[in-house]
Amino acid sequence: MELLQPAFWELDSAALAAKYEKFAMLADGPAAAAFVTLEDWSNTGQPLSLAAARGLAEDLFRDDMTGRGMWSVGGIGVDPAGLRLPILDIIAGRDRIVPPGAALSTQGIGTAMPLDAGHVGMVVGGRAPQLLWDPLAGWLRD
């Protein structure tokens, strides 16, 4: 985690500064507490092993092995187009970590679920239940 967060911050340093400026304007209360809770969660966690960090940084980010169809797990190639099961492609429209253009559905694979949210906000943000949780639950039921 120590290396990931600073890398994510560099994706949009102006947004990072704006986020903390907005926090500074909050009065003590539930909104400020929720902000601190989310920041604590996103900035802590188990550190990645060197091998996992290398795989993430080099294989997935630098070399785009997933996008180029070169990714493997346990020595077996992963081919999303070859999967014989439903694929829901959840796309955070304001994601800077996984840009919307990287979505499988842009290649005709799976069903797209575009959301007006960022990478983390779509899952844990205040609008997450309406944007993601409820529609995802419906998709899983269907």
Foldseek 3Di string as FASTA:
>chain_A
DVPPVVVVCVLDVPVVVVVVVVLVPDDPDDVNVVVVVVVVVVVDDDDDDPVVVCCCCPVCPVVVCVLVQNDDDPPHGDDQVPDPDADEFEAAPAESVQHNVSTPVVVVGHHYQYFPHYDCCCCPNPCVCVRPVVVVVVVVVD
